[in-house]
Amino acid sequence: MQRAVPGILTDRPLIEQLGAAITDFLDDTGAEVSAVGVGSSGLLREGAAELLGVLPAAITEVSLAHDSTTAYLGALGDNPGVVVACGTGVVTLAMGDDSVARVDGWGYLIGDAGSAYWIGRNALEAAMRGYDGRRQMTRLTDVVAADFADIEEAYRELQADPKRVARVASYAAKVDALAADDPVAANILDKAAAHLSEAVITGARRVGLMGHEAPRCVRWGMCSARLGSSGSSRSS
């Protein structure tokens, strides 16, 4: 049984949101559940007991895993390969015959290269460089100017927005829409693709998959088909 639930907001406590989402699912579906598994990058294993405490009494077991693990299992099961889960952030997980390697997934401040946030952040920078005259003009400047009452106050508004990470990431779709005709937007996507390719190659190398046929799965939350595709390929 599948059911879409609202996204988890990173600026709010995770336990409260997860508990509400799980409880709402049980109430709406009438499902009888005694165990829950959660894939999240924002929880430590110690959080399982805390989450269990806010769930209905019928649930007696909670298991936590990093979301790269659940993404991998959902895509490839227990087969060797490489999975890239790309949305607001990005994380890559590779599994060989006897080893596992995680690449990136370090958050928007120090990682997530090639993610929607990374694309959006670079788009905003390119827009402001174009506005200043520091680089070639780009239609991204017009897009940003249309989103703010005063483009020169955009940085203040973004810094004050509690949902600024998602807001910045939303510009990835706008970069995608302009890429066919705007060389600056196209260059941002090409660089994002290079970061994601590097993550796949790094993961494959670390688990001994280089030179072997291995499944590869790229799951896009907010990214363009220009960046990659799903299928089988040889790592070399």
C-alpha atoms as a PDB file:
ATOM      1  CA  MET A   1       0.000   0.000   0.000  1.00  0.00           C
ATOM      2  CA  GLN A   2       1.419   3.383  -1.015  1.00  0.00           C
ATOM      3  CA  ARG A   3       0.321   6.879  -0.084  1.00  0.00           C
ATOM      4  CA  ALA A   4       1.938  10.248  -0.651  1.00  0.00           C
ATOM      5  CA  VAL A   5       2.581  12.342   2.442  1.00  0.00           C
ATOM      6  CA  PRO A   6       3.710  15.961   2.849  1.00  0.00           C
ATOM      7  CA  GLY A   7       7.436  16.550   2.605  1.00  0.00           C
ATOM      8  CA  ILE A   8       9.572  16.751   5.718  1.00  0.00           C
ATOM      9  CA  LEU A   9      10.742  20.280   6.555  1.00  0.00           C
ATOM     10  CA  THR A  10      14.363  20.441   7.671  1.00  0.00           C
ATOM     11  CA  ASP A  11      13.790  23.552   9.787  1.00  0.00           C
ATOM     12  CA  ARG A  12      11.312  21.735  12.048  1.00  0.00           C
ATOM     13  CA  PRO A  13      11.822  18.832  14.486  1.00  0.00           C
ATOM     14  CA  LEU A  14      11.895  15.578  12.505  1.00  0.00           C
ATOM     15  CA  ILE A  15      10.392  13.297  15.158  1.00  0.00           C
ATOM     16  CA  GLU A  16       7.219  15.374  15.385  1.00  0.00           C
ATOM     17  CA  GLN A  17       6.757  15.416  11.610  1.00  0.00           C
ATOM     18  CA  LEU A  18       7.480  11.716  11.131  1.00  0.00           C
ATOM     19  CA  GLY A  19       5.162  10.758  13.966  1.00  0.00           C
ATOM     20  CA  ALA A  20       2.344  12.833  12.488  1.00  0.00           C
ATOM     21  CA  ALA A  21       2.856  11.423   8.984  1.00  0.00           C
ATOM     22  CA  ILE A  22       2.861   7.811  10.190  1.00  0.00           C
ATOM     23  CA  THR A  23      -0.130   8.321  12.476  1.00  0.00           C
ATOM     24  CA  ASP A  24      -2.119  10.055   9.724  1.00  0.00           C
ATOM     25  CA  PHE A  25      -1.349   7.188   7.354  1.00  0.00           C
ATOM     26  CA  LEU A  26      -2.603   4.621   9.844  1.00  0.00           C
ATOM     27  CA  ASP A  27      -5.736   6.637  10.602  1.00  0.00           C
ATOM     28  CA  ASP A  28      -6.565   7.182   6.933  1.00  0.00           C
ATOM     29  CA  THR A  29      -5.914   3.628   5.741  1.00  0.00           C
ATOM     30  CA  GLY A  30      -6.878   1.564   8.756  1.00  0.00           C
ATOM     31  CA  ALA A  31      -3.728  -0.476   8.215  1.00  0.00           C
ATOM     32  CA  GLU A  32      -2.614  -2.753  11.031  1.00  0.00           C
ATOM     33  CA  VAL A  33       1.080  -2.115  11.544  1.00  0.00           C
ATOM     34  CA  SER A  34       3.400  -3.265  14.318  1.00  0.00           C
ATOM     35  CA  ALA A  35       6.771  -2.227  12.865  1.00  0.00           C
ATOM     36  CA  VAL A  36       7.938   0.897  11.035  1.00  0.00           C
ATOM     37  CA  GLY A  37      11.072   1.523   9.001  1.00  0.00           C
ATOM     38  CA  VAL A  38      12.299   5.057   8.311  1.00  0.00           C
ATOM     39  CA  GLY A  39      14.963   6.236   5.896  1.00  0.00           C
ATOM     40  CA  SER A  40      16.230   9.691   6.851  1.00  0.00           C
ATOM     41  CA  SER A  41      19.475  11.627   6.713  1.00  0.00           C
ATOM     42  CA  GLY A  42      18.495  13.730   9.716  1.00  0.00           C
ATOM     43  CA  LEU A  43      18.105  11.082  12.417  1.00  0.00           C
ATOM     44  CA  LEU A  44      20.556   9.028  14.416  1.00  0.00           C
ATOM     45  CA  ARG A  45      19.729   5.461  15.373  1.00  0.00           C
ATOM     46  CA  GLU A  46      19.141   6.659  18.915  1.00  0.00           C
ATOM     47  CA  GLY A  47      16.107   8.507  17.572  1.00  0.00           C
ATOM     48  CA  ALA A  48      14.226   5.222  17.108  1.00  0.00           C
ATOM     49  CA  ALA A  49      13.166   5.139  20.759  1.00  0.00           C
ATOM     50  CA  GLU A  50      12.033   8.760  20.629  1.00  0.00           C
ATOM     51  CA  LEU A  51       9.984   8.135  17.493  1.00  0.00           C
ATOM     52  CA  LEU A  52       8.462   5.003  19.001  1.00  0.00           C
ATOM     53  CA  GLY A  53       7.287   7.127  21.914  1.00  0.00           C
ATOM     54  CA  VAL A  54       5.083   9.345  19.724  1.00  0.00           C
ATOM     55  CA  LEU A  55       3.531   6.540  17.674  1.00  0.00           C
ATOM     56  CA  PRO A  56       0.362   4.539  18.409  1.00  0.00           C
ATOM     57  CA  ALA A  57       0.785   1.768  20.980  1.00  0.00           C
ATOM     58  CA  ALA A  58       0.195  -0.898  18.321  1.00  0.00           C
ATOM     59  CA  ILE A  59       3.614  -0.098  16.849  1.00  0.00           C
ATOM     60  CA  THR A  60       6.243  -1.904  18.883  1.00  0.00           C
ATOM     61  CA  GLU A  61       9.329  -1.621  16.678  1.00  0.00           C
ATOM     62  CA  VAL A  62      11.003   1.236  14.797  1.00  0.00           C
ATOM     63  CA  SER A  63      14.075   0.814  12.590  1.00  0.00           C
ATOM     64  CA  LEU A  64      16.072   3.778  11.273  1.00  0.00           C
ATOM     65  CA  ALA A  65      18.460   3.861   8.321  1.00  0.00           C
ATOM     66  CA  HIS A  66      20.136   6.562   6.265  1.00  0.00           C
ATOM     67  CA  ASP A  67      17.966   7.527   3.313  1.00  0.00           C
ATOM     68  CA  SER A  68      20.691   6.431   0.905  1.00  0.00           C
ATOM     69  CA  THR A  69      20.193   2.883   2.191  1.00  0.00           C
ATOM     70  CA  THR A  70      16.432   2.882   1.694  1.00  0.00           C
ATOM     71  CA  ALA A  71      16.805   4.504  -1.738  1.00  0.00           C
ATOM     72  CA  TYR A  72      19.277   1.807  -2.755  1.00  0.00           C
ATOM     73  CA  LEU A  73      17.122  -1.064  -1.526  1.00  0.00           C
ATOM     74  CA  GLY A  74      14.080   0.384  -3.263  1.00  0.00           C
ATOM     75  CA  ALA A  75      15.943   0.706  -6.552  1.00  0.00           C
ATOM     76  CA  LEU A  76      18.251  -2.317  -6.729  1.00  0.00           C
ATOM     77  CA  GLY A  77      17.428  -4.529  -3.769  1.00  0.00           C
ATOM     78  CA  ASP A  78      20.514  -6.452  -2.673  1.00  0.00           C
ATOM     79  CA  ASN A  79      22.150  -6.428  -6.128  1.00  0.00           C
ATOM     80  CA  PRO A  80      25.560  -4.771  -6.617  1.00  0.00           C
ATOM     81  CA  GLY A  81      25.375  -1.391  -8.323  1.00  0.00           C
ATOM     82  CA  VAL A  82      25.251   2.357  -7.810  1.00  0.00           C
ATOM     83  CA  VAL A  83      22.263   4.521  -6.898  1.00  0.00           C
ATOM     84  CA  VAL A  84      22.121   8.309  -7.011  1.00  0.00           C
ATOM     85  CA  ALA A  85      19.190   9.898  -5.176  1.00  0.00           C
ATOM     86  CA  CYS A  86      19.037  13.511  -6.315  1.00  0.00           C
ATOM     87  CA  GLY A  87      16.523  16.056  -5.086  1.00  0.00           C
ATOM     88  CA  THR A  88      17.050  19.118  -2.921  1.00  0.00           C
ATOM     89  CA  GLY A  89      20.209  17.322  -1.783  1.00  0.00           C
ATOM     90  CA  VAL A  90      22.025  14.373  -3.291  1.00  0.00           C
ATOM     91  CA  VAL A  91      23.603  11.178  -2.026  1.00  0.00           C
ATOM     92  CA  THR A  92      25.176   8.275  -3.897  1.00  0.00           C
ATOM     93  CA  LEU A  93      25.455   4.732  -2.567  1.00  0.00           C
ATOM     94  CA  ALA A  94      27.467   1.978  -4.213  1.00  0.00           C
ATOM     95  CA  MET A  95      27.479  -1.690  -3.255  1.00  0.00           C
ATOM     96  CA  GLY A  96      29.892  -4.341  -4.452  1.00  0.00           C
ATOM     97  CA  ASP A  97      30.175  -8.014  -3.606  1.00  0.00           C
ATOM     98  CA  ASP A  98      31.590  -7.362  -0.148  1.00  0.00           C
ATOM     99  CA  SER A  99      31.668  -3.604   0.466  1.00  0.00           C
ATOM    100  CA  VAL A 100      29.510  -0.479   0.519  1.00  0.00           C
ATOM    101  CA  ALA A 101      30.508   3.129  -0.169  1.00  0.00           C
ATOM    102  CA  ARG A 102      28.581   6.333   0.362  1.00  0.00           C
ATOM    103  CA  VAL A 103      29.540   9.441  -1.606  1.00  0.00           C
ATOM    104  CA  ASP A 104      28.383  12.942  -0.624  1.00  0.00           C
ATOM    105  CA  GLY A 105      25.041  13.562   1.045  1.00  0.00           C
ATOM    106  CA  TRP A 106      26.819  16.021   3.352  1.00  0.00           C
ATOM    107  CA  GLY A 107      24.163  18.710   3.255  1.00  0.00           C
ATOM    108  CA  TYR A 108      23.836  22.003   1.429  1.00  0.00           C
ATOM    109  CA  LEU A 109      26.506  23.822   3.451  1.00  0.00           C
ATOM    110  CA  ILE A 110      29.442  21.500   2.742  1.00  0.00           C
ATOM    111  CA  GLY A 111      28.254  19.026   0.110  1.00  0.00           C
ATOM    112  CA  ASP A 112      25.352  17.916  -2.107  1.00  0.00           C
ATOM    113  CA  ALA A 113      27.290  18.776  -5.279  1.00  0.00           C
ATOM    114  CA  GLY A 114      25.036  18.583  -8.335  1.00  0.00           C
ATOM    115  CA  SER A 115      21.799  18.644  -6.341  1.00  0.00           C
ATOM    116  CA  ALA A 116      18.824  20.922  -6.947  1.00  0.00           C
ATOM    117  CA  TYR A 117      20.088  23.212  -4.186  1.00  0.00           C
ATOM    118  CA  TRP A 118      23.537  23.300  -5.781  1.00  0.00           C
ATOM    119  CA  ILE A 119      21.990  24.151  -9.149  1.00  0.00           C
ATOM    120  CA  GLY A 120      19.751  26.811  -7.629  1.00  0.00           C
ATOM    121  CA  ARG A 121      22.590  28.360  -5.638  1.00  0.00           C
ATOM    122  CA  ASN A 122      24.744  28.584  -8.752  1.00  0.00           C
ATOM    123  CA  ALA A 123      21.837  30.002 -10.734  1.00  0.00           C
ATOM    124  CA  LEU A 124      21.301  32.772  -8.202  1.00  0.00           C
ATOM    125  CA  GLU A 125      25.002  33.592  -8.189  1.00  0.00           C
ATOM    126  CA  ALA A 126      25.069  33.684 -12.004  1.00  0.00           C
ATOM    127  CA  ALA A 127      22.011  35.932 -12.010  1.00  0.00           C
ATOM    128  CA  MET A 128      23.662  38.417  -9.667  1.00  0.00           C
ATOM    129  CA  ARG A 129      26.941  38.311 -11.579  1.00  0.00           C
ATOM    130  CA  GLY A 130      25.008  39.133 -14.722  1.00  0.00           C
ATOM    131  CA  TYR A 131      23.181  41.919 -12.922  1.00  0.00           C
ATOM    132  CA  ASP A 132      26.504  43.411 -11.772  1.00  0.00           C
ATOM    133  CA  GLY A 133      28.087  43.035 -15.205  1.00  0.00           C
ATOM    134  CA  ARG A 134      30.745  40.662 -13.873  1.00  0.00           C
ATOM    135  CA  ARG A 135      29.906  38.007 -16.444  1.00  0.00           C
ATOM    136  CA  GLN A 136      27.868  37.477 -19.587  1.00  0.00           C
ATOM    137  CA  MET A 137      24.214  38.328 -19.402  1.00  0.00           C
ATOM    138  CA  THR A 138      21.811  35.493 -18.691  1.00  0.00           C
ATOM    139  CA  ARG A 139      18.065  35.165 -18.642  1.00  0.00           C
ATOM    140  CA  LEU A 140      18.475  33.864 -15.110  1.00  0.00           C
ATOM    141  CA  THR A 141      18.849  37.497 -14.045  1.00  0.00           C
ATOM    142  CA  ASP A 142      15.389  38.256 -15.427  1.00  0.00           C
ATOM    143  CA  VAL A 143      13.950  35.207 -13.660  1.00  0.00           C
ATOM    144  CA  VAL A 144      15.368  36.266 -10.310  1.00  0.00           C
ATOM    145  CA  ALA A 145      14.339  39.890 -10.810  1.00  0.00           C
ATOM    146  CA  ALA A 146      10.765  38.753 -11.436  1.00  0.00           C
ATOM    147  CA  ASP A 147      10.706  36.833  -8.148  1.00  0.00           C
ATOM    148  CA  PHE A 148      11.657  39.751  -5.899  1.00  0.00           C
ATOM    149  CA  ALA A 149      10.293  43.261  -5.517  1.00  0.00           C
ATOM    150  CA  ASP A 150      13.890  44.506  -5.581  1.00  0.00           C
ATOM    151  CA  ILE A 151      16.592  42.203  -6.916  1.00  0.00           C
ATOM    152  CA  GLU A 152      19.163  44.020  -4.785  1.00  0.00           C
ATOM    153  CA  GLU A 153      17.264  42.878  -1.694  1.00  0.00           C
ATOM    154  CA  ALA A 154      17.027  39.239  -2.838  1.00  0.00           C
ATOM    155  CA  TYR A 155      19.868  38.114  -0.584  1.00  0.00           C
ATOM    156  CA  ARG A 156      18.247  39.620   2.492  1.00  0.00           C
ATOM    157  CA  GLU A 157      14.892  38.015   1.738  1.00  0.00           C
ATOM    158  CA  LEU A 158      16.459  34.609   1.161  1.00  0.00           C
ATOM    159  CA  GLN A 159      18.547  34.769   4.322  1.00  0.00           C
ATOM    160  CA  ALA A 160      15.445  35.569   6.362  1.00  0.00           C
ATOM    161  CA  ASP A 161      13.303  32.825   4.818  1.00  0.00           C
ATOM    162  CA  PRO A 162      13.082  29.721   7.081  1.00  0.00           C
ATOM    163  CA  LYS A 163      12.381  27.685   3.924  1.00  0.00           C
ATOM    164  CA  ARG A 164      15.332  29.157   2.058  1.00  0.00           C
ATOM    165  CA  VAL A 165      16.901  25.781   1.253  1.00  0.00           C
ATOM    166  CA  ALA A 166      13.805  24.570  -0.581  1.00  0.00           C
ATOM    167  CA  ARG A 167      13.341  28.008  -2.131  1.00  0.00           C
ATOM    168  CA  VAL A 168      16.867  28.060  -3.523  1.00  0.00           C
ATOM    169  CA  ALA A 169      16.490  24.468  -4.752  1.00  0.00           C
ATOM    170  CA  SER A 170      13.323  25.420  -6.637  1.00  0.00           C
ATOM    171  CA  TYR A 171      15.463  27.400  -9.080  1.00  0.00           C
ATOM    172  CA  ALA A 172      16.787  24.116 -10.480  1.00  0.00           C
ATOM    173  CA  ALA A 173      13.578  23.721 -12.473  1.00  0.00           C
ATOM    174  CA  LYS A 174      13.990  27.242 -13.851  1.00  0.00           C
ATOM    175  CA  VAL A 175      17.563  26.512 -14.882  1.00  0.00           C
ATOM    176  CA  ASP A 176      16.326  23.397 -16.654  1.00  0.00           C
ATOM    177  CA  ALA A 177      13.659  25.391 -18.498  1.00  0.00           C
ATOM    178  CA  LEU A 178      16.236  27.894 -19.783  1.00  0.00           C
ATOM    179  CA  ALA A 179      19.087  25.498 -20.565  1.00  0.00           C
ATOM    180  CA  ALA A 180      18.171  24.909 -24.207  1.00  0.00           C
ATOM    181  CA  ASP A 181      18.601  28.595 -25.090  1.00  0.00           C
ATOM    182  CA  ASP A 182      20.726  30.100 -22.318  1.00  0.00           C
ATOM    183  CA  PRO A 183      24.400  29.067 -22.279  1.00  0.00           C
ATOM    184  CA  VAL A 184      24.859  30.086 -18.642  1.00  0.00           C
ATOM    185  CA  ALA A 185      21.983  27.856 -17.517  1.00  0.00           C
ATOM    186  CA  ALA A 186      23.255  25.034 -19.724  1.00  0.00           C
ATOM    187  CA  ASN A 187      26.728  25.348 -18.219  1.00  0.00           C
ATOM    188  CA  ILE A 188      25.321  25.061 -14.691  1.00  0.00           C
ATOM    189  CA  LEU A 189      23.555  21.813 -15.601  1.00  0.00           C
ATOM    190  CA  ASP A 190      26.662  20.469 -17.319  1.00  0.00           C
ATOM    191  CA  LYS A 191      28.705  21.118 -14.174  1.00  0.00           C
ATOM    192  CA  ALA A 192      26.026  19.471 -12.039  1.00  0.00           C
ATOM    193  CA  ALA A 193      26.143  16.423 -14.308  1.00  0.00           C
ATOM    194  CA  ALA A 194      29.920  16.296 -13.924  1.00  0.00           C
ATOM    195  CA  HIS A 195      29.595  16.289 -10.124  1.00  0.00           C
ATOM    196  CA  LEU A 196      27.044  13.466 -10.213  1.00  0.00           C
ATOM    197  CA  SER A 197      29.128  11.450 -12.663  1.00  0.00           C
ATOM    198  CA  GLU A 198      32.135  11.878 -10.394  1.00  0.00           C
ATOM    199  CA  ALA A 199      30.095  10.548  -7.466  1.00  0.00           C
ATOM    200  CA  VAL A 200      29.009   7.470  -9.446  1.00  0.00           C
ATOM    201  CA  ILE A 201      32.543   6.729 -10.630  1.00  0.00           C
ATOM    202  CA  THR A 202      33.965   7.250  -7.144  1.00  0.00           C
ATOM    203  CA  GLY A 203      31.411   4.925  -5.575  1.00  0.00           C
ATOM    204  CA  ALA A 204      31.947   2.260  -8.227  1.00  0.00           C
ATOM    205  CA  ARG A 205      35.727   2.432  -7.796  1.00  0.00           C
ATOM    206  CA  ARG A 206      35.560   2.156  -4.016  1.00  0.00           C
ATOM    207  CA  VAL A 207      33.491  -1.045  -4.113  1.00  0.00           C
ATOM    208  CA  GLY A 208      35.361  -2.697  -6.972  1.00  0.00           C
ATOM    209  CA  LEU A 209      32.792  -2.274  -9.744  1.00  0.00           C
ATOM    210  CA  MET A 210      35.020  -0.448 -12.219  1.00  0.00           C
ATOM    211  CA  GLY A 211      35.160  -2.324 -15.496  1.00  0.00           C
ATOM    212  CA  HIS A 212      32.143  -4.490 -14.662  1.00  0.00           C
ATOM    213  CA  GLU A 213      28.548  -4.398 -15.803  1.00  0.00           C
ATOM    214  CA  ALA A 214      26.541  -3.049 -12.888  1.00  0.00           C
ATOM    215  CA  PRO A 215      23.063  -1.598 -12.487  1.00  0.00           C
ATOM    216  CA  ARG A 216      22.935   2.148 -12.115  1.00  0.00           C
ATOM    217  CA  CYS A 217      19.863   4.017 -10.941  1.00  0.00           C
ATOM    218  CA  VAL A 218      19.465   7.781 -10.914  1.00  0.00           C
ATOM    219  CA  ARG A 219      16.375   9.074  -9.125  1.00  0.00           C
ATOM    220  CA  TRP A 220      15.589  12.711  -9.733  1.00  0.00           C
ATOM    221  CA  GLY A 221      13.433  14.724  -7.387  1.00  0.00           C
ATOM    222  CA  MET A 222      13.954  18.119  -9.014  1.00  0.00           C
ATOM    223  CA  CYS A 223      16.605  17.584 -11.667  1.00  0.00           C
ATOM    224  CA  SER A 224      16.655  17.492 -15.437  1.00  0.00           C
ATOM    225  CA  ALA A 225      16.842  14.524 -17.774  1.00  0.00           C
ATOM    226  CA  ARG A 226      19.844  16.399 -19.185  1.00  0.00           C
ATOM    227  CA  LEU A 227      21.778  15.320 -16.097  1.00  0.00           C
ATOM    228  CA  GLY A 228      21.462  11.561 -16.456  1.00  0.00           C
ATOM    229  CA  SER A 229      19.345   8.509 -17.082  1.00  0.00           C
ATOM    230  CA  SER A 230      18.504   5.173 -15.523  1.00  0.00           C
ATOM    231  CA  GLY A 231      19.700   1.861 -16.831  1.00  0.00           C
ATOM    232  CA  SER A 232      22.649  -0.483 -16.917  1.00  0.00           C
ATOM    233  CA  SER A 233      26.106   0.650 -17.858  1.00  0.00           C
ATOM    234  CA  ARG A 234      29.735  -0.381 -17.654  1.00  0.00           C
ATOM    235  CA  SER A 235      31.886   1.541 -15.221  1.00  0.00           C
ATOM    236  CA  SER A 236      35.318   2.187 -16.671  1.00  0.00           C
END
